[in-house]
Amino acid sequence: MANASDFDQFHWMVEMVQNIDMGLIVIDRDYKIQLWNGFMVHHSGMQAKQVMGKSLFDVFTDVPQDWFRAKARPVFELGCRSFVVWQQRPYLFHCRNVRPITDRAKHMYQNITLNPMANTRGEIGHIFISIKDVTAEALSKLDERK
């Protein structure tokens, strides 16, 4: 039986996931959304209850399916990370840019990491996608090029 300390630790982890200044999405092998954190709610404008259990491709219709599946395949099959940087693709998930300093950007520039999630038997059944807002850095680099 779990004790109060176990519940406290679980609560802290949930609070961390919901309040971290980074987008977190968990998808299963069918690309269905299993977790949608507070950052995603704030920046996408979609509540978790609107997206949970739906295909990532139904929620973000502009994500190229074949390309994304090719990025996710080694994560599922080999358990290795996969990355997308803003220089390759300015954003993967269309999110509002809501930061006052970078409000001249039409979208949030993103660095993305696809991370394998293993169960207790070591089987990769899910991927957690971390989305980092790099709009300020991207705009600075783009300004330097002018």
C-alpha atoms as a PDB file:
ATOM      1  CA  MET A   1       0.000   0.000   0.000  1.00  0.00           C
ATOM      2  CA  ALA A   2       1.311   3.433  -0.909  1.00  0.00           C
ATOM      3  CA  ASN A   3       1.962   5.869   1.906  1.00  0.00           C
ATOM      4  CA  ALA A   4       1.447   9.637   2.134  1.00  0.00           C
ATOM      5  CA  SER A   5       5.046  10.276   1.079  1.00  0.00           C
ATOM      6  CA  ASP A   6       4.499   8.312  -2.168  1.00  0.00           C
ATOM      7  CA  PHE A   7       1.408  10.396  -2.935  1.00  0.00           C
ATOM      8  CA  ASP A   8       3.320  13.607  -2.167  1.00  0.00           C
ATOM      9  CA  GLN A   9       6.087  12.617  -4.573  1.00  0.00           C
ATOM     10  CA  PHE A  10       3.566  11.713  -7.269  1.00  0.00           C
ATOM     11  CA  HIS A  11       1.805  15.047  -6.732  1.00  0.00           C
ATOM     12  CA  TRP A  12       5.099  16.932  -7.048  1.00  0.00           C
ATOM     13  CA  MET A  13       5.901  15.139 -10.304  1.00  0.00           C
ATOM     14  CA  VAL A  14       2.492  16.004 -11.750  1.00  0.00           C
ATOM     15  CA  GLU A  15       2.935  19.631 -10.680  1.00  0.00           C
ATOM     16  CA  MET A  16       6.366  19.716 -12.325  1.00  0.00           C
ATOM     17  CA  VAL A  17       5.090  18.276 -15.613  1.00  0.00           C
ATOM     18  CA  GLN A  18       2.163  20.686 -15.712  1.00  0.00           C
ATOM     19  CA  ASN A  19       4.135  23.806 -14.820  1.00  0.00           C
ATOM     20  CA  ILE A  20       7.501  23.347 -16.515  1.00  0.00           C
ATOM     21  CA  ASP A  21       8.274  26.051 -19.088  1.00  0.00           C
ATOM     22  CA  MET A  22       8.466  23.506 -21.879  1.00  0.00           C
ATOM     23  CA  GLY A  23       5.869  21.689 -23.929  1.00  0.00           C
ATOM     24  CA  LEU A  24       5.434  18.020 -23.089  1.00  0.00           C
ATOM     25  CA  ILE A  25       3.359  15.635 -25.170  1.00  0.00           C
ATOM     26  CA  VAL A  26       3.299  11.859 -24.749  1.00  0.00           C
ATOM     27  CA  ILE A  27       2.148   9.730 -27.690  1.00  0.00           C
ATOM     28  CA  ASP A  28       1.661   5.990 -27.976  1.00  0.00           C
ATOM     29  CA  ARG A  29       2.612   3.765 -30.912  1.00  0.00           C
ATOM     30  CA  ASP A  30      -0.607   4.751 -32.665  1.00  0.00           C
ATOM     31  CA  TYR A  31       0.446   8.415 -32.334  1.00  0.00           C
ATOM     32  CA  LYS A  32      -2.445   9.079 -29.955  1.00  0.00           C
ATOM     33  CA  ILE A  33      -1.878  11.781 -27.356  1.00  0.00           C
ATOM     34  CA  GLN A  34      -1.596  10.467 -23.799  1.00  0.00           C
ATOM     35  CA  LEU A  35      -0.267  13.581 -22.039  1.00  0.00           C
ATOM     36  CA  TRP A  36      -0.636  17.283 -22.763  1.00  0.00           C
ATOM     37  CA  ASN A  37       0.926  19.625 -20.247  1.00  0.00           C
ATOM     38  CA  GLY A  38       0.086  23.167 -19.170  1.00  0.00           C
ATOM     39  CA  PHE A  39       2.610  24.738 -21.547  1.00  0.00           C
ATOM     40  CA  MET A  40       0.785  23.097 -24.464  1.00  0.00           C
ATOM     41  CA  VAL A  41      -2.586  24.268 -23.154  1.00  0.00           C
ATOM     42  CA  HIS A  42      -1.305  27.840 -22.898  1.00  0.00           C
ATOM     43  CA  HIS A  43       0.523  27.993 -26.231  1.00  0.00           C
ATOM     44  CA  SER A  44      -1.718  25.841 -28.430  1.00  0.00           C
ATOM     45  CA  GLY A  45      -5.000  27.165 -27.052  1.00  0.00           C
ATOM     46  CA  MET A  46      -6.306  23.594 -26.748  1.00  0.00           C
ATOM     47  CA  GLN A  47      -7.293  22.032 -23.434  1.00  0.00           C
ATOM     48  CA  ALA A  48      -6.004  18.568 -22.561  1.00  0.00           C
ATOM     49  CA  LYS A  49      -9.543  17.131 -22.687  1.00  0.00           C
ATOM     50  CA  GLN A  50      -9.795  18.310 -26.325  1.00  0.00           C
ATOM     51  CA  VAL A  51      -6.721  16.363 -27.465  1.00  0.00           C
ATOM     52  CA  MET A  52      -6.333  13.362 -25.149  1.00  0.00           C
ATOM     53  CA  GLY A  53      -6.693  10.095 -27.048  1.00  0.00           C
ATOM     54  CA  LYS A  54      -6.695  11.834 -30.424  1.00  0.00           C
ATOM     55  CA  SER A  55      -4.131  11.292 -33.131  1.00  0.00           C
ATOM     56  CA  LEU A  56      -1.307  13.819 -33.095  1.00  0.00           C
ATOM     57  CA  PHE A  57      -1.954  14.236 -36.821  1.00  0.00           C
ATOM     58  CA  ASP A  58      -5.613  15.108 -36.247  1.00  0.00           C
ATOM     59  CA  VAL A  59      -4.696  17.752 -33.671  1.00  0.00           C
ATOM     60  CA  PHE A  60      -1.794  19.199 -35.709  1.00  0.00           C
ATOM     61  CA  THR A  61      -2.925  18.675 -39.281  1.00  0.00           C
ATOM     62  CA  ASP A  62       0.096  20.504 -40.710  1.00  0.00           C
ATOM     63  CA  VAL A  63       2.608  18.018 -39.244  1.00  0.00           C
ATOM     64  CA  PRO A  64       3.814  15.931 -42.222  1.00  0.00           C
ATOM     65  CA  GLN A  65       2.907  12.362 -41.252  1.00  0.00           C
ATOM     66  CA  ASP A  66       5.505  10.480 -43.303  1.00  0.00           C
ATOM     67  CA  TRP A  67       8.289  12.791 -42.153  1.00  0.00           C
ATOM     68  CA  PHE A  68       7.255  12.601 -38.481  1.00  0.00           C
ATOM     69  CA  ARG A  69       6.857   8.807 -38.567  1.00  0.00           C
ATOM     70  CA  ALA A  70      10.376   8.551 -40.026  1.00  0.00           C
ATOM     71  CA  LYS A  71      11.673  10.685 -37.119  1.00  0.00           C
ATOM     72  CA  ALA A  72       9.759   8.588 -34.564  1.00  0.00           C
ATOM     73  CA  ARG A  73      10.626   5.146 -35.978  1.00  0.00           C
ATOM     74  CA  PRO A  74      14.168   4.917 -34.496  1.00  0.00           C
ATOM     75  CA  VAL A  75      12.847   6.199 -31.174  1.00  0.00           C
ATOM     76  CA  PHE A  76      10.306   3.370 -31.006  1.00  0.00           C
ATOM     77  CA  GLU A  77      12.528   0.682 -32.552  1.00  0.00           C
ATOM     78  CA  LEU A  78      15.979   1.514 -31.171  1.00  0.00           C
ATOM     79  CA  GLY A  79      15.154   3.502 -28.064  1.00  0.00           C
ATOM     80  CA  CYS A  80      17.284   6.453 -29.169  1.00  0.00           C
ATOM     81  CA  ARG A  81      16.382  10.115 -29.158  1.00  0.00           C
ATOM     82  CA  SER A  82      15.536  12.095 -32.246  1.00  0.00           C
ATOM     83  CA  PHE A  83      15.856  15.856 -32.629  1.00  0.00           C
ATOM     84  CA  VAL A  84      14.389  18.668 -34.697  1.00  0.00           C
ATOM     85  CA  VAL A  85      16.016  22.092 -34.435  1.00  0.00           C
ATOM     86  CA  TRP A  86      14.468  25.345 -35.538  1.00  0.00           C
ATOM     87  CA  GLN A  87      17.065  25.782 -38.299  1.00  0.00           C
ATOM     88  CA  GLN A  88      15.756  22.600 -39.965  1.00  0.00           C
ATOM     89  CA  ARG A  89      12.123  23.379 -39.395  1.00  0.00           C
ATOM     90  CA  PRO A  90      11.149  26.623 -37.609  1.00  0.00           C
ATOM     91  CA  TYR A  91       8.344  24.856 -35.767  1.00  0.00           C
ATOM     92  CA  LEU A  92       6.772  21.440 -35.742  1.00  0.00           C
ATOM     93  CA  PHE A  93       3.676  22.253 -33.704  1.00  0.00           C
ATOM     94  CA  HIS A  94       1.938  25.496 -34.573  1.00  0.00           C
ATOM     95  CA  CYS A  95       1.847  27.398 -31.296  1.00  0.00           C
ATOM     96  CA  ARG A  96       1.122  30.998 -30.526  1.00  0.00           C
ATOM     97  CA  ASN A  97       4.033  33.215 -29.732  1.00  0.00           C
ATOM     98  CA  VAL A  98       2.858  34.935 -26.562  1.00  0.00           C
ATOM     99  CA  ARG A  99       6.085  36.371 -25.227  1.00  0.00           C
ATOM    100  CA  PRO A 100       6.164  40.171 -25.205  1.00  0.00           C
ATOM    101  CA  ILE A 101       9.814  40.515 -26.231  1.00  0.00           C
ATOM    102  CA  THR A 102       9.442  38.278 -29.280  1.00  0.00           C
ATOM    103  CA  ASP A 103       5.942  39.315 -30.293  1.00  0.00           C
ATOM    104  CA  ARG A 104       7.103  40.194 -33.808  1.00  0.00           C
ATOM    105  CA  ALA A 105       7.362  36.469 -34.607  1.00  0.00           C
ATOM    106  CA  LYS A 106       4.332  34.955 -36.307  1.00  0.00           C
ATOM    107  CA  HIS A 107       4.890  31.620 -34.552  1.00  0.00           C
ATOM    108  CA  MET A 108       6.921  30.088 -31.796  1.00  0.00           C
ATOM    109  CA  TYR A 109      10.299  28.831 -33.025  1.00  0.00           C
ATOM    110  CA  GLN A 110      10.938  25.416 -31.479  1.00  0.00           C
ATOM    111  CA  ASN A 111      13.602  22.863 -30.726  1.00  0.00           C
ATOM    112  CA  ILE A 112      12.027  19.429 -30.382  1.00  0.00           C
ATOM    113  CA  THR A 113      13.280  16.215 -28.807  1.00  0.00           C
ATOM    114  CA  LEU A 114      11.551  12.857 -29.218  1.00  0.00           C
ATOM    115  CA  ASN A 115      12.429  10.710 -26.195  1.00  0.00           C
ATOM    116  CA  PRO A 116      11.732   6.974 -25.801  1.00  0.00           C
ATOM    117  CA  MET A 117       9.633   5.864 -22.837  1.00  0.00           C
ATOM    118  CA  ALA A 118      10.178   2.276 -21.728  1.00  0.00           C
ATOM    119  CA  ASN A 119       7.865   0.278 -19.504  1.00  0.00           C
ATOM    120  CA  THR A 120       9.139  -1.856 -16.600  1.00  0.00           C
ATOM    121  CA  ARG A 121      10.057  -4.622 -19.073  1.00  0.00           C
ATOM    122  CA  GLY A 122      12.185  -2.243 -21.144  1.00  0.00           C
ATOM    123  CA  GLU A 123       9.734  -2.100 -24.065  1.00  0.00           C
ATOM    124  CA  ILE A 124       9.308   1.259 -25.779  1.00  0.00           C
ATOM    125  CA  GLY A 125       5.592   1.897 -26.011  1.00  0.00           C
ATOM    126  CA  HIS A 126       5.494   5.671 -25.875  1.00  0.00           C
ATOM    127  CA  ILE A 127       7.434   8.743 -26.899  1.00  0.00           C
ATOM    128  CA  PHE A 128       7.514  11.920 -24.924  1.00  0.00           C
ATOM    129  CA  ILE A 129       8.024  14.967 -27.053  1.00  0.00           C
ATOM    130  CA  SER A 130       9.638  17.991 -25.453  1.00  0.00           C
ATOM    131  CA  ILE A 131       9.101  21.352 -27.094  1.00  0.00           C
ATOM    132  CA  LYS A 132      11.419  24.210 -26.183  1.00  0.00           C
ATOM    133  CA  ASP A 133      10.517  27.761 -27.136  1.00  0.00           C
ATOM    134  CA  VAL A 134      13.633  29.217 -28.784  1.00  0.00           C
ATOM    135  CA  THR A 135      11.942  32.204 -30.417  1.00  0.00           C
ATOM    136  CA  ALA A 136      14.208  34.831 -28.836  1.00  0.00           C
ATOM    137  CA  GLU A 137      17.369  32.971 -29.871  1.00  0.00           C
ATOM    138  CA  ALA A 138      16.055  32.308 -33.384  1.00  0.00           C
ATOM    139  CA  LEU A 139      15.070  35.929 -33.979  1.00  0.00           C
ATOM    140  CA  SER A 140      18.454  37.073 -32.702  1.00  0.00           C
ATOM    141  CA  LYS A 141      20.250  34.719 -35.130  1.00  0.00           C
ATOM    142  CA  LEU A 142      17.997  35.764 -37.992  1.00  0.00           C
ATOM    143  CA  ASP A 143      18.653  39.447 -37.224  1.00  0.00           C
ATOM    144  CA  GLU A 144      22.415  38.791 -37.313  1.00  0.00           C
ATOM    145  CA  ARG A 145      22.095  37.404 -40.840  1.00  0.00           C
ATOM    146  CA  LYS A 146      20.497  40.606 -42.145  1.00  0.00           C
END
